Every structure is written in C-alpha cells, then in structure tokens.
PDB file of N, CA and C in Angstrom:
ATOM      1  N   UNK A   1       2.756   8.939 -19.386  1.00  0.00           N
ATOM      2  CA  UNK A   1       2.706   7.924 -18.347  1.00  0.00           C
ATOM      3  C   UNK A   1       2.785   8.623 -16.985  1.00  0.00           C
ATOM      4  N   UNK A   2       1.913   8.241 -16.080  1.00  0.00           N
ATOM      5  CA  UNK A   2       1.942   8.842 -14.750  1.00  0.00           C
ATOM      6  C   UNK A   2       3.012   8.178 -13.883  1.00  0.00           C
ATOM      7  N   UNK A   3       3.263   8.787 -12.729  1.00  0.00           N
ATOM      8  CA  UNK A   3       4.320   8.333 -11.822  1.00  0.00           C
ATOM      9  C   UNK A   3       4.134   6.876 -11.400  1.00  0.00           C
ATOM     10  N   UNK A   4       2.924   6.511 -10.992  1.00  0.00           N
ATOM     11  CA  UNK A   4       2.663   5.152 -10.528  1.00  0.00           C
ATOM     12  C   UNK A   4       2.931   4.125 -11.626  1.00  0.00           C
ATOM     13  N   UNK A   5       2.445   4.383 -12.824  1.00  0.00           N
ATOM     14  CA  UNK A   5       2.645   3.448 -13.944  1.00  0.00           C
ATOM     15  C   UNK A   5       4.130   3.271 -14.232  1.00  0.00           C
ATOM     16  N   UNK A   6       4.892   4.355 -14.183  1.00  0.00           N
ATOM     17  CA  UNK A   6       6.333   4.270 -14.398  1.00  0.00           C
ATOM     18  C   UNK A   6       7.015   3.419 -13.343  1.00  0.00           C
ATOM     19  N   UNK A   7       6.610   3.601 -12.091  1.00  0.00           N
ATOM     20  CA  UNK A   7       7.194   2.806 -11.009  1.00  0.00           C
ATOM     21  C   UNK A   7       6.834   1.330 -11.176  1.00  0.00           C
ATOM     22  N   UNK A   8       5.599   1.053 -11.528  1.00  0.00           N
ATOM     23  CA  UNK A   8       5.178  -0.344 -11.722  1.00  0.00           C
ATOM     24  C   UNK A   8       5.961  -0.997 -12.856  1.00  0.00           C
ATOM     25  N   UNK A   9       6.156  -0.279 -13.918  1.00  0.00           N
ATOM     26  CA  UNK A   9       6.926  -0.832 -15.043  1.00  0.00           C
ATOM     27  C   UNK A   9       8.375  -1.111 -14.641  1.00  0.00           C
ATOM     28  N   UNK A  10       8.955  -0.208 -13.871  1.00  0.00           N
ATOM     29  CA  UNK A  10      10.343  -0.443 -13.448  1.00  0.00           C
ATOM     30  C   UNK A  10      10.414  -1.618 -12.474  1.00  0.00           C
ATOM     31  N   UNK A  11       9.407  -1.785 -11.635  1.00  0.00           N
ATOM     32  CA  UNK A  11       9.406  -2.906 -10.688  1.00  0.00           C
ATOM     33  C   UNK A  11       9.213  -4.245 -11.396  1.00  0.00           C
ATOM     34  N   UNK A  12       8.481  -4.230 -12.505  1.00  0.00           N
ATOM     35  CA  UNK A  12       8.298  -5.457 -13.285  1.00  0.00           C
ATOM     36  C   UNK A  12       9.619  -5.956 -13.860  1.00  0.00           C
ATOM     37  N   UNK A  13      10.570  -5.042 -14.037  1.00  0.00           N
ATOM     38  CA  UNK A  13      11.884  -5.406 -14.566  1.00  0.00           C
ATOM     39  C   UNK A  13      12.804  -5.963 -13.481  1.00  0.00           C
ATOM     40  N   UNK A  14      12.415  -5.800 -12.226  1.00  0.00           N
ATOM     41  CA  UNK A  14      13.243  -6.257 -11.106  1.00  0.00           C
ATOM     42  C   UNK A  14      13.039  -7.742 -10.839  1.00  0.00           C
ATOM     43  N   UNK A  15      14.031  -8.332 -10.214  1.00  0.00           N
ATOM     44  CA  UNK A  15      13.899  -9.719  -9.759  1.00  0.00           C
ATOM     45  C   UNK A  15      12.964  -9.731  -8.552  1.00  0.00           C
ATOM     46  N   UNK A  16      12.413 -10.891  -8.209  1.00  0.00           N
ATOM     47  CA  UNK A  16      11.562 -10.970  -7.010  1.00  0.00           C
ATOM     48  C   UNK A  16      12.292 -10.483  -5.752  1.00  0.00           C
ATOM     49  N   UNK A  17      13.565 -10.760  -5.655  1.00  0.00           N
ATOM     50  CA  UNK A  17      14.348 -10.325  -4.500  1.00  0.00           C
ATOM     51  C   UNK A  17      14.462  -8.803  -4.456  1.00  0.00           C
ATOM     52  N   UNK A  18      14.683  -8.183  -5.620  1.00  0.00           N
ATOM     53  CA  UNK A  18      14.782  -6.725  -5.690  1.00  0.00           C
ATOM     54  C   UNK A  18      13.445  -6.064  -5.336  1.00  0.00           C
ATOM     55  N   UNK A  19      12.338  -6.652  -5.802  1.00  0.00           N
ATOM     56  CA  UNK A  19      11.013  -6.114  -5.466  1.00  0.00           C
ATOM     57  C   UNK A  19      10.756  -6.216  -3.965  1.00  0.00           C
ATOM     58  N   UNK A  20      11.130  -7.346  -3.378  1.00  0.00           N
ATOM     59  CA  UNK A  20      10.955  -7.531  -1.933  1.00  0.00           C
ATOM     60  C   UNK A  20      11.766  -6.499  -1.168  1.00  0.00           C
ATOM     61  N   UNK A  21      12.995  -6.266  -1.587  1.00  0.00           N
ATOM     62  CA  UNK A  21      13.846  -5.262  -0.936  1.00  0.00           C
ATOM     63  C   UNK A  21      13.236  -3.870  -1.065  1.00  0.00           C
ATOM     64  N   UNK A  22      12.708  -3.548  -2.230  1.00  0.00           N
ATOM     65  CA  UNK A  22      12.085  -2.236  -2.454  1.00  0.00           C
ATOM     66  C   UNK A  22      10.911  -2.046  -1.494  1.00  0.00           C
ATOM     67  N   UNK A  23      10.087  -3.079  -1.328  1.00  0.00           N
ATOM     68  CA  UNK A  23       8.965  -2.994  -0.385  1.00  0.00           C
ATOM     69  C   UNK A  23       9.463  -2.841   1.045  1.00  0.00           C
ATOM     70  N   UNK A  24      10.474  -3.604   1.412  1.00  0.00           N
ATOM     71  CA  UNK A  24      11.040  -3.503   2.765  1.00  0.00           C
ATOM     72  C   UNK A  24      11.602  -2.107   3.026  1.00  0.00           C
ATOM     73  N   UNK A  25      12.232  -1.522   2.018  1.00  0.00           N
ATOM     74  CA  UNK A  25      12.804  -0.179   2.157  1.00  0.00           C
ATOM     75  C   UNK A  25      11.711   0.885   2.307  1.00  0.00           C
ATOM     76  N   UNK A  26      10.516   0.598   1.806  1.00  0.00           N
ATOM     77  CA  UNK A  26       9.402   1.547   1.860  1.00  0.00           C
ATOM     78  C   UNK A  26       8.607   1.435   3.164  1.00  0.00           C
ATOM     79  N   UNK A  27       8.665   0.309   3.832  1.00  0.00           N
ATOM     80  CA  UNK A  27       7.871   0.083   5.047  1.00  0.00           C
ATOM     81  C   UNK A  27       8.040   1.156   6.127  1.00  0.00           C
ATOM     82  N   UNK A  28       9.240   1.685   6.373  1.00  0.00           N
ATOM     83  CA  UNK A  28       9.364   2.708   7.418  1.00  0.00           C
ATOM     84  C   UNK A  28       8.537   3.974   7.147  1.00  0.00           C
ATOM     85  N   UNK A  29       8.173   4.217   5.899  1.00  0.00           N
ATOM     86  CA  UNK A  29       7.360   5.382   5.550  1.00  0.00           C
ATOM     87  C   UNK A  29       5.866   5.137   5.767  1.00  0.00           C
ATOM     88  N   UNK A  30       5.478   3.896   5.878  1.00  0.00           N
ATOM     89  CA  UNK A  30       4.073   3.498   5.962  1.00  0.00           C
ATOM     90  C   UNK A  30       3.441   3.982   7.268  1.00  0.00           C
ATOM     91  N   UNK A  31       2.278   4.633   7.145  1.00  0.00           N
ATOM     92  CA  UNK A  31       1.565   5.123   8.330  1.00  0.00           C
ATOM     93  C   UNK A  31       0.310   4.292   8.633  1.00  0.00           C
ATOM     94  N   UNK A  32       0.164   3.163   7.997  1.00  0.00           N
ATOM     95  CA  UNK A  32      -1.013   2.313   8.236  1.00  0.00           C
ATOM     96  C   UNK A  32      -1.294   2.076   9.726  1.00  0.00           C
ATOM     97  N   UNK A  33      -0.288   1.776  10.560  1.00  0.00           N
ATOM     98  CA  UNK A  33      -0.575   1.511  11.971  1.00  0.00           C
ATOM     99  C   UNK A  33      -1.202   2.685  12.727  1.00  0.00           C
ATOM    100  N   UNK A  34      -1.094   3.902  12.204  1.00  0.00           N
ATOM    101  CA  UNK A  34      -1.708   5.066  12.859  1.00  0.00           C
ATOM    102  C   UNK A  34      -3.138   5.319  12.394  1.00  0.00           C
ATOM    103  N   UNK A  35      -3.580   4.588  11.392  1.00  0.00           N
ATOM    104  CA  UNK A  35      -4.896   4.808  10.785  1.00  0.00           C
ATOM    105  C   UNK A  35      -6.011   4.262  11.681  1.00  0.00           C
ATOM    106  N   UNK A  36      -7.127   4.976  11.814  1.00  0.00           N
ATOM    107  CA  UNK A  36      -8.258   4.484  12.598  1.00  0.00           C
ATOM    108  C   UNK A  36      -8.839   3.160  12.084  1.00  0.00           C
ATOM    109  N   UNK A  37      -8.686   2.879  10.808  1.00  0.00           N
ATOM    110  CA  UNK A  37      -9.213   1.629  10.251  1.00  0.00           C
ATOM    111  C   UNK A  37      -8.331   0.431  10.600  1.00  0.00           C
ATOM    112  N   UNK A  38      -7.054   0.657  10.795  1.00  0.00           N
ATOM    113  CA  UNK A  38      -6.092  -0.397  11.164  1.00  0.00           C
ATOM    114  C   UNK A  38      -6.461  -0.909  12.553  1.00  0.00           C
ATOM    115  N   UNK A  39      -6.569  -2.222  12.707  1.00  0.00           N
ATOM    116  CA  UNK A  39      -7.003  -2.756  14.002  1.00  0.00           C
ATOM    117  C   UNK A  39      -5.978  -3.723  14.600  1.00  0.00           C
ATOM    118  N   UNK A  40      -6.326  -4.295  15.735  1.00  0.00           N
ATOM    119  CA  UNK A  40      -5.423  -5.223  16.427  1.00  0.00           C
ATOM    120  C   UNK A  40      -5.109  -6.458  15.598  1.00  0.00           C
ATOM    121  N   UNK A  41      -6.063  -6.918  14.806  1.00  0.00           N
ATOM    122  CA  UNK A  41      -5.823  -8.075  13.937  1.00  0.00           C
ATOM    123  C   UNK A  41      -4.718  -7.750  12.931  1.00  0.00           C
ATOM    124  N   UNK A  42      -4.830  -6.614  12.248  1.00  0.00           N
ATOM    125  CA  UNK A  42      -3.816  -6.204  11.264  1.00  0.00           C
ATOM    126  C   UNK A  42      -2.463  -6.023  11.938  1.00  0.00           C
ATOM    127  N   UNK A  43      -2.495  -5.468  13.141  1.00  0.00           N
ATOM    128  CA  UNK A  43      -1.258  -5.282  13.900  1.00  0.00           C
ATOM    129  C   UNK A  43      -0.623  -6.633  14.221  1.00  0.00           C
ATOM    130  N   UNK A  44      -1.435  -7.579  14.703  1.00  0.00           N
ATOM    131  CA  UNK A  44      -0.929  -8.913  15.050  1.00  0.00           C
ATOM    132  C   UNK A  44      -0.353  -9.633  13.831  1.00  0.00           C
ATOM    133  N   UNK A  45      -0.935  -9.366  12.658  1.00  0.00           N
ATOM    134  CA  UNK A  45      -0.452  -9.989  11.418  1.00  0.00           C
ATOM    135  C   UNK A  45       0.767  -9.263  10.853  1.00  0.00           C
ATOM    136  N   UNK A  46       1.067  -8.084  11.399  1.00  0.00           N
ATOM    137  CA  UNK A  46       2.193  -7.295  10.896  1.00  0.00           C
ATOM    138  C   UNK A  46       1.942  -6.733   9.514  1.00  0.00           C
ATOM    139  N   UNK A  47       0.682  -6.476   9.203  1.00  0.00           N
ATOM    140  CA  UNK A  47       0.327  -6.013   7.861  1.00  0.00           C
ATOM    141  C   UNK A  47       0.659  -4.531   7.679  1.00  0.00           C
ATOM    142  N   UNK A  48       1.267  -4.226   6.544  1.00  0.00           N
ATOM    143  CA  UNK A  48       1.643  -2.871   6.155  1.00  0.00           C
ATOM    144  C   UNK A  48       1.558  -2.747   4.643  1.00  0.00           C
ATOM    145  N   UNK A  49       1.661  -1.539   4.158  1.00  0.00           N
ATOM    146  CA  UNK A  49       1.719  -1.250   2.718  1.00  0.00           C
ATOM    147  C   UNK A  49       0.582  -1.902   1.932  1.00  0.00           C
ATOM    148  N   UNK A  50      -0.626  -1.740   2.426  1.00  0.00           N
ATOM    149  CA  UNK A  50      -1.792  -2.278   1.718  1.00  0.00           C
ATOM    150  C   UNK A  50      -1.872  -1.725   0.298  1.00  0.00           C
ATOM    151  N   UNK A  51      -1.380  -0.505   0.100  1.00  0.00           N
ATOM    152  CA  UNK A  51      -1.396   0.105  -1.227  1.00  0.00           C
ATOM    153  C   UNK A  51      -0.600  -0.712  -2.237  1.00  0.00           C
ATOM    154  N   UNK A  52       0.389  -1.439  -1.760  1.00  0.00           N
ATOM    155  CA  UNK A  52       1.241  -2.242  -2.632  1.00  0.00           C
ATOM    156  C   UNK A  52       0.874  -3.723  -2.615  1.00  0.00           C
ATOM    157  N   UNK A  53       0.521  -4.244  -1.437  1.00  0.00           N
ATOM    158  CA  UNK A  53       0.312  -5.690  -1.321  1.00  0.00           C
ATOM    159  C   UNK A  53      -1.150  -6.115  -1.346  1.00  0.00           C
ATOM    160  N   UNK A  54      -2.065  -5.168  -1.223  1.00  0.00           N
ATOM    161  CA  UNK A  54      -3.487  -5.496  -1.287  1.00  0.00           C
ATOM    162  C   UNK A  54      -4.169  -5.442   0.063  1.00  0.00           C
ATOM    163  N   UNK A  55      -5.451  -5.769   0.040  1.00  0.00           N
ATOM    164  CA  UNK A  55      -6.259  -5.602   1.250  1.00  0.00           C
ATOM    165  C   UNK A  55      -5.853  -6.545   2.370  1.00  0.00           C
ATOM    166  N   UNK A  56      -6.273  -6.178   3.540  1.00  0.00           N
ATOM    167  CA  UNK A  56      -5.942  -6.922   4.754  1.00  0.00           C
ATOM    168  C   UNK A  56      -6.588  -8.303   4.758  1.00  0.00           C
ATOM    169  N   UNK A  57      -5.946  -9.217   5.445  1.00  0.00           N
ATOM    170  CA  UNK A  57      -6.530 -10.542   5.653  1.00  0.00           C
ATOM    171  C   UNK A  57      -7.534 -10.498   6.804  1.00  0.00           C
ATOM    172  N   UNK A  58      -7.586  -9.377   7.504  1.00  0.00           N
ATOM    173  CA  UNK A  58      -8.503  -9.175   8.633  1.00  0.00           C
ATOM    174  C   UNK A  58      -9.811  -8.550   8.132  1.00  0.00           C
ATOM    175  N   UNK A  59     -10.844  -8.661   8.911  1.00  0.00           N
ATOM    176  CA  UNK A  59     -12.139  -8.061   8.581  1.00  0.00           C
ATOM    177  C   UNK A  59     -12.179  -6.644   9.156  1.00  0.00           C
ATOM    178  N   UNK A  60     -11.477  -5.735   8.500  1.00  0.00           N
ATOM    179  CA  UNK A  60     -11.387  -4.361   8.983  1.00  0.00           C
ATOM    180  C   UNK A  60     -12.709  -3.627   8.787  1.00  0.00           C
ATOM    181  N   UNK A  61     -13.003  -2.747   9.738  1.00  0.00           N
ATOM    182  CA  UNK A  61     -14.179  -1.900   9.651  1.00  0.00           C
ATOM    183  C   UNK A  61     -13.727  -0.538   9.148  1.00  0.00           C
ATOM    184  N   UNK A  62     -14.263  -0.120   8.019  1.00  0.00           N
ATOM    185  CA  UNK A  62     -13.887   1.134   7.389  1.00  0.00           C
ATOM    186  C   UNK A  62     -14.214   2.313   8.301  1.00  0.00           C
ATOM    187  N   UNK A  63     -13.179   3.058   8.663  1.00  0.00           N
ATOM    188  CA  UNK A  63     -13.311   4.270   9.465  1.00  0.00           C
ATOM    189  C   UNK A  63     -12.648   5.389   8.677  1.00  0.00           C
ATOM    190  N   UNK A  64     -12.016   6.316   9.333  1.00  0.00           N
ATOM    191  CA  UNK A  64     -11.282   7.372   8.647  1.00  0.00           C
ATOM    192  C   UNK A  64     -10.057   6.785   7.954  1.00  0.00           C
ATOM    193  N   UNK A  65      -9.735   7.304   6.772  1.00  0.00           N
ATOM    194  CA  UNK A  65      -8.600   6.815   5.983  1.00  0.00           C
ATOM    195  C   UNK A  65      -7.472   7.839   5.982  1.00  0.00           C
ATOM    196  N   UNK A  66      -6.268   7.379   6.305  1.00  0.00           N
ATOM    197  CA  UNK A  66      -5.093   8.245   6.284  1.00  0.00           C
ATOM    198  C   UNK A  66      -4.269   8.113   5.004  1.00  0.00           C
ATOM    199  N   UNK A  67      -4.689   7.251   4.095  1.00  0.00           N
ATOM    200  CA  UNK A  67      -3.912   7.024   2.868  1.00  0.00           C
ATOM    201  C   UNK A  67      -3.531   8.317   2.136  1.00  0.00           C
ATOM    202  N   UNK A  68      -4.459   9.265   1.967  1.00  0.00           N
ATOM    203  CA  UNK A  68      -4.075  10.486   1.233  1.00  0.00           C
ATOM    204  C   UNK A  68      -2.929  11.262   1.885  1.00  0.00           C
ATOM    205  N   UNK A  69      -2.764  11.145   3.194  1.00  0.00           N
ATOM    206  CA  UNK A  69      -1.695  11.866   3.902  1.00  0.00           C
ATOM    207  C   UNK A  69      -0.407  11.055   4.022  1.00  0.00           C
ATOM    208  N   UNK A  70      -0.408   9.830   3.575  1.00  0.00           N
ATOM    209  CA  UNK A  70       0.759   8.953   3.718  1.00  0.00           C
ATOM    210  C   UNK A  70       1.883   9.370   2.772  1.00  0.00           C
ATOM    211  N   UNK A  71       3.120   9.375   3.242  1.00  0.00           N
ATOM    212  CA  UNK A  71       4.256   9.689   2.366  1.00  0.00           C
ATOM    213  C   UNK A  71       4.377   8.728   1.182  1.00  0.00           C
ATOM    214  N   UNK A  72       3.917   7.499   1.350  1.00  0.00           N
ATOM    215  CA  UNK A  72       3.987   6.525   0.252  1.00  0.00           C
ATOM    216  C   UNK A  72       3.075   6.960  -0.900  1.00  0.00           C
ATOM    217  N   UNK A  73       1.951   7.585  -0.572  1.00  0.00           N
ATOM    218  CA  UNK A  73       1.033   8.067  -1.600  1.00  0.00           C
ATOM    219  C   UNK A  73       1.735   9.054  -2.525  1.00  0.00           C
ATOM    220  N   UNK A  74       2.447  10.002  -1.948  1.00  0.00           N
ATOM    221  CA  UNK A  74       3.181  10.985  -2.757  1.00  0.00           C
ATOM    222  C   UNK A  74       4.339  10.326  -3.509  1.00  0.00           C
ATOM    223  N   UNK A  75       5.077   9.472  -2.830  1.00  0.00           N
ATOM    224  CA  UNK A  75       6.229   8.803  -3.441  1.00  0.00           C
ATOM    225  C   UNK A  75       5.822   7.978  -4.665  1.00  0.00           C
ATOM    226  N   UNK A  76       4.712   7.265  -4.539  1.00  0.00           N
ATOM    227  CA  UNK A  76       4.293   6.331  -5.584  1.00  0.00           C
ATOM    228  C   UNK A  76       3.267   6.917  -6.567  1.00  0.00           C
ATOM    229  N   UNK A  77       2.755   8.109  -6.293  1.00  0.00           N
ATOM    230  CA  UNK A  77       1.757   8.701  -7.186  1.00  0.00           C
ATOM    231  C   UNK A  77       0.424   7.968  -7.122  1.00  0.00           C
ATOM    232  N   UNK A  78       0.001   7.613  -5.912  1.00  0.00           N
ATOM    233  CA  UNK A  78      -1.242   6.862  -5.739  1.00  0.00           C
ATOM    234  C   UNK A  78      -2.458   7.766  -5.892  1.00  0.00           C
ATOM    235  N   UNK A  79      -3.546   7.195  -6.408  1.00  0.00           N
ATOM    236  CA  UNK A  79      -4.770   7.952  -6.651  1.00  0.00           C
ATOM    237  C   UNK A  79      -5.939   7.473  -5.797  1.00  0.00           C
ATOM    238  N   UNK A  80      -5.850   6.306  -5.218  1.00  0.00           N
ATOM    239  CA  UNK A  80      -6.957   5.723  -4.469  1.00  0.00           C
ATOM    240  C   UNK A  80      -6.706   5.787  -2.969  1.00  0.00           C
ATOM    241  N   UNK A  81      -7.612   5.204  -2.197  1.00  0.00           N
ATOM    242  CA  UNK A  81      -7.506   5.183  -0.740  1.00  0.00           C
ATOM    243  C   UNK A  81      -8.213   3.931  -0.215  1.00  0.00           C
ATOM    244  N   UNK A  82      -8.193   3.763   1.093  1.00  0.00           N
ATOM    245  CA  UNK A  82      -8.780   2.580   1.754  1.00  0.00           C
ATOM    246  C   UNK A  82      -8.234   1.282   1.152  1.00  0.00           C
ATOM    247  N   UNK A  83      -6.938   1.252   0.909  1.00  0.00           N
ATOM    248  CA  UNK A  83      -6.306   0.069   0.328  1.00  0.00           C
ATOM    249  C   UNK A  83      -6.483  -1.163   1.210  1.00  0.00           C
ATOM    250  N   UNK A  84      -6.531  -0.946   2.526  1.00  0.00           N
ATOM    251  CA  UNK A  84      -6.651  -2.066   3.464  1.00  0.00           C
ATOM    252  C   UNK A  84      -7.961  -2.828   3.303  1.00  0.00           C
ATOM    253  N   UNK A  85      -8.996  -2.170   2.809  1.00  0.00           N
ATOM    254  CA  UNK A  85     -10.283  -2.854   2.606  1.00  0.00           C
ATOM    255  C   UNK A  85     -10.646  -3.004   1.132  1.00  0.00           C
ATOM    256  N   UNK A  86      -9.995  -2.238   0.256  1.00  0.00           N
ATOM    257  CA  UNK A  86     -10.341  -2.271  -1.172  1.00  0.00           C
ATOM    258  C   UNK A  86      -9.331  -2.984  -2.059  1.00  0.00           C
ATOM    259  N   UNK A  87      -8.073  -3.034  -1.630  1.00  0.00           N
ATOM    260  CA  UNK A  87      -7.034  -3.673  -2.435  1.00  0.00           C
ATOM    261  C   UNK A  87      -5.951  -2.699  -2.856  1.00  0.00           C
ATOM    262  N   UNK A  88      -4.961  -3.205  -3.539  1.00  0.00           N
ATOM    263  CA  UNK A  88      -3.792  -2.408  -3.935  1.00  0.00           C
ATOM    264  C   UNK A  88      -4.146  -1.374  -4.999  1.00  0.00           C
ATOM    265  N   UNK A  89      -3.291  -0.377  -5.119  1.00  0.00           N
ATOM    266  CA  UNK A  89      -3.457   0.636  -6.173  1.00  0.00           C
ATOM    267  C   UNK A  89      -3.493  -0.027  -7.534  1.00  0.00           C
ATOM    268  N   UNK A  90      -2.596  -0.967  -7.764  1.00  0.00           N
ATOM    269  CA  UNK A  90      -2.536  -1.647  -9.064  1.00  0.00           C
ATOM    270  C   UNK A  90      -3.859  -2.384  -9.342  1.00  0.00           C
ATOM    271  N   UNK A  91      -4.387  -3.024  -8.320  1.00  0.00           N
ATOM    272  CA  UNK A  91      -5.648  -3.737  -8.477  1.00  0.00           C
ATOM    273  C   UNK A  91      -6.834  -2.823  -8.686  1.00  0.00           C
ATOM    274  N   UNK A  92      -6.762  -1.617  -8.169  1.00  0.00           N
ATOM    275  CA  UNK A  92      -7.870  -0.659  -8.286  1.00  0.00           C
ATOM    276  C   UNK A  92      -7.833   0.113  -9.606  1.00  0.00           C
ATOM    277  N   UNK A  93      -6.709   0.083 -10.282  1.00  0.00           N
ATOM    278  CA  UNK A  93      -6.580   0.793 -11.569  1.00  0.00           C
ATOM    279  C   UNK A  93      -6.822  -0.159 -12.723  1.00  0.00           C
ATOM    280  N   UNK A  94      -7.290   0.392 -13.793  1.00  0.00           N
ATOM    281  CA  UNK A  94      -7.373  -0.342 -15.055  1.00  0.00           C
ATOM    282  C   UNK A  94      -6.103  -0.002 -15.795  1.00  0.00           C
ATOM    283  N   UNK A  95      -5.203  -0.988 -15.875  1.00  0.00           N
ATOM    284  CA  UNK A  95      -3.895  -0.698 -16.476  1.00  0.00           C
ATOM    285  C   UNK A  95      -3.766  -1.347 -17.825  1.00  0.00           C
TER     286      UNK A  95
END
C-alpha cells in the first residue's frame, strides 16, 4: 500500500469533525495561493488544498503548476498535479 492510500484509509476511520480538523491543520502548508494558475476568483473564494477537496469552483486557466513542489505533495504521497483544474488526488486515482 502506498502512502496516499494508507492516509486515505486512516481518514475514512475518522469522524467528519476529525477529518475537517486534519484538513484545517494542513492548510498552512498549502502553496496554492502562490501558484500561477491560482487566480483572484479562487482567492476570493478562499479555496485551498485542491489536492484534497477537488477542483476549483472558478474557471481557472491552466498555467504553471506548483503542486509537485508543495509540501502537501510529499506529506500525502501525491502522484498527480493541476488539482485545481483536474480534481482531487483521490478522484484522479483508480482506487
């Protein structure tokens, strides 16, 4: 089992409140606001952690992606990128 799958399985065992807290605790590591693809709409919506919550509600224009350099990528064992326009890691994987 890879790192991401293990984390997802452990999160499935958590209560909704515990999962929300885990996401909140991870937000300070998120570098989405520094990404060239992140725009004023995403900023106004306060969107972060696309890798976990899925693609943006905004019509983002794909530019350079910083996902591979994000600390969350290493922490969670992520394999994909452009989460803001493509969706969450879980959604992009066949699990």
